[in-house]
């Protein structure tokens, strides 16, 4: 089973590659460290909401919260 952190990392990595950005470039543009970005993309990181928002913004994404469906798995 994929963890939420792994899902986020996969999405960010796929979007970065689609935009043909190197990790180093994304880290610099988002104001995060290379080590931290690498950890996030691999699903091992624990980014702050601000870091996640900055990375997403550079990638043309946004962080949103939605209400969970009552029948959704926890």
Protein backbone atom coordinates (compact mmCIF):
# COMPACT_ATOMS: atom_id res chain seq x y z
CA UNK A 1 0.00 0.00 0.00
CA UNK A 2 1.29 3.43 -0.94
CA UNK A 3 1.51 5.98 1.87
CA UNK A 4 0.21 9.54 1.44
CA UNK A 5 3.81 10.79 1.51
CA UNK A 6 4.75 8.41 -1.29
CA UNK A 7 1.74 9.50 -3.36
CA UNK A 8 2.67 13.16 -2.94
CA UNK A 9 6.29 12.43 -3.82
CA UNK A 10 5.28 10.53 -6.96
CA UNK A 11 3.00 13.37 -8.07
CA UNK A 12 5.66 16.03 -7.49
CA UNK A 13 8.38 14.00 -9.24
CA UNK A 14 6.13 13.27 -12.25
CA UNK A 15 5.18 16.95 -12.59
CA UNK A 16 8.82 18.06 -12.25
CA UNK A 17 9.88 15.63 -14.97
CA UNK A 18 6.99 16.70 -17.20
CA UNK A 19 8.22 20.30 -16.87
CA UNK A 20 11.78 19.09 -17.55
CA UNK A 21 13.12 20.58 -14.32
CA UNK A 22 16.12 19.15 -12.53
CA UNK A 23 15.76 18.53 -8.79
CA UNK A 24 18.45 21.14 -8.16
CA UNK A 25 16.52 23.76 -10.14
CA UNK A 26 13.22 23.00 -8.42
CA UNK A 27 14.86 23.11 -4.99
CA UNK A 28 16.39 26.50 -5.76
CA UNK A 29 13.19 27.97 -7.21
CA UNK A 30 11.11 26.70 -4.27
CA UNK A 31 13.65 27.73 -1.63
CA UNK A 32 14.09 24.24 -0.22
CA UNK A 33 17.20 22.13 0.22
CA UNK A 34 18.20 19.46 -2.27
CA UNK A 35 18.29 16.82 0.45
CA UNK A 36 14.80 17.76 1.58
CA UNK A 37 13.38 17.71 -1.94
CA UNK A 38 14.95 14.33 -2.64
CA UNK A 39 13.41 12.96 0.55
CA UNK A 40 9.98 14.38 -0.32
CA UNK A 41 10.04 12.92 -3.83
CA UNK A 42 11.00 9.51 -2.47
CA UNK A 43 8.19 9.59 0.11
CA UNK A 44 10.58 9.72 3.07
CA UNK A 45 10.37 13.46 3.71
CA UNK A 46 8.20 15.30 6.16
CA UNK A 47 7.79 18.73 4.59
CA UNK A 48 6.12 21.65 6.27
CA UNK A 49 2.93 22.89 4.68
CA UNK A 50 4.82 25.99 3.57
CA UNK A 51 7.55 23.92 1.87
CA UNK A 52 4.97 21.76 0.13
CA UNK A 53 3.07 24.85 -0.99
CA UNK A 54 6.24 26.48 -2.36
CA UNK A 55 7.23 23.35 -4.30
CA UNK A 56 3.70 22.91 -5.63
CA UNK A 57 3.55 26.56 -6.67
CA UNK A 58 6.74 26.28 -8.73
CA UNK A 59 5.26 23.21 -10.41
CA UNK A 60 1.97 24.95 -11.21
CA UNK A 61 0.10 22.94 -8.58
CA UNK A 62 -1.73 23.96 -5.44
CA UNK A 63 -2.21 22.31 -2.08
CA UNK A 64 -5.86 21.91 -1.11
CA UNK A 65 -7.83 20.11 1.55
CA UNK A 66 -11.08 18.40 0.70
CA UNK A 67 -13.64 16.69 2.86
CA UNK A 68 -13.20 12.96 2.94
CA UNK A 69 -15.99 10.80 1.60
CA UNK A 70 -17.70 8.87 4.41
CA UNK A 71 -17.02 5.59 2.61
CA UNK A 72 -13.32 6.32 1.97
CA UNK A 73 -10.70 4.14 3.62
CA UNK A 74 -8.72 5.72 6.44
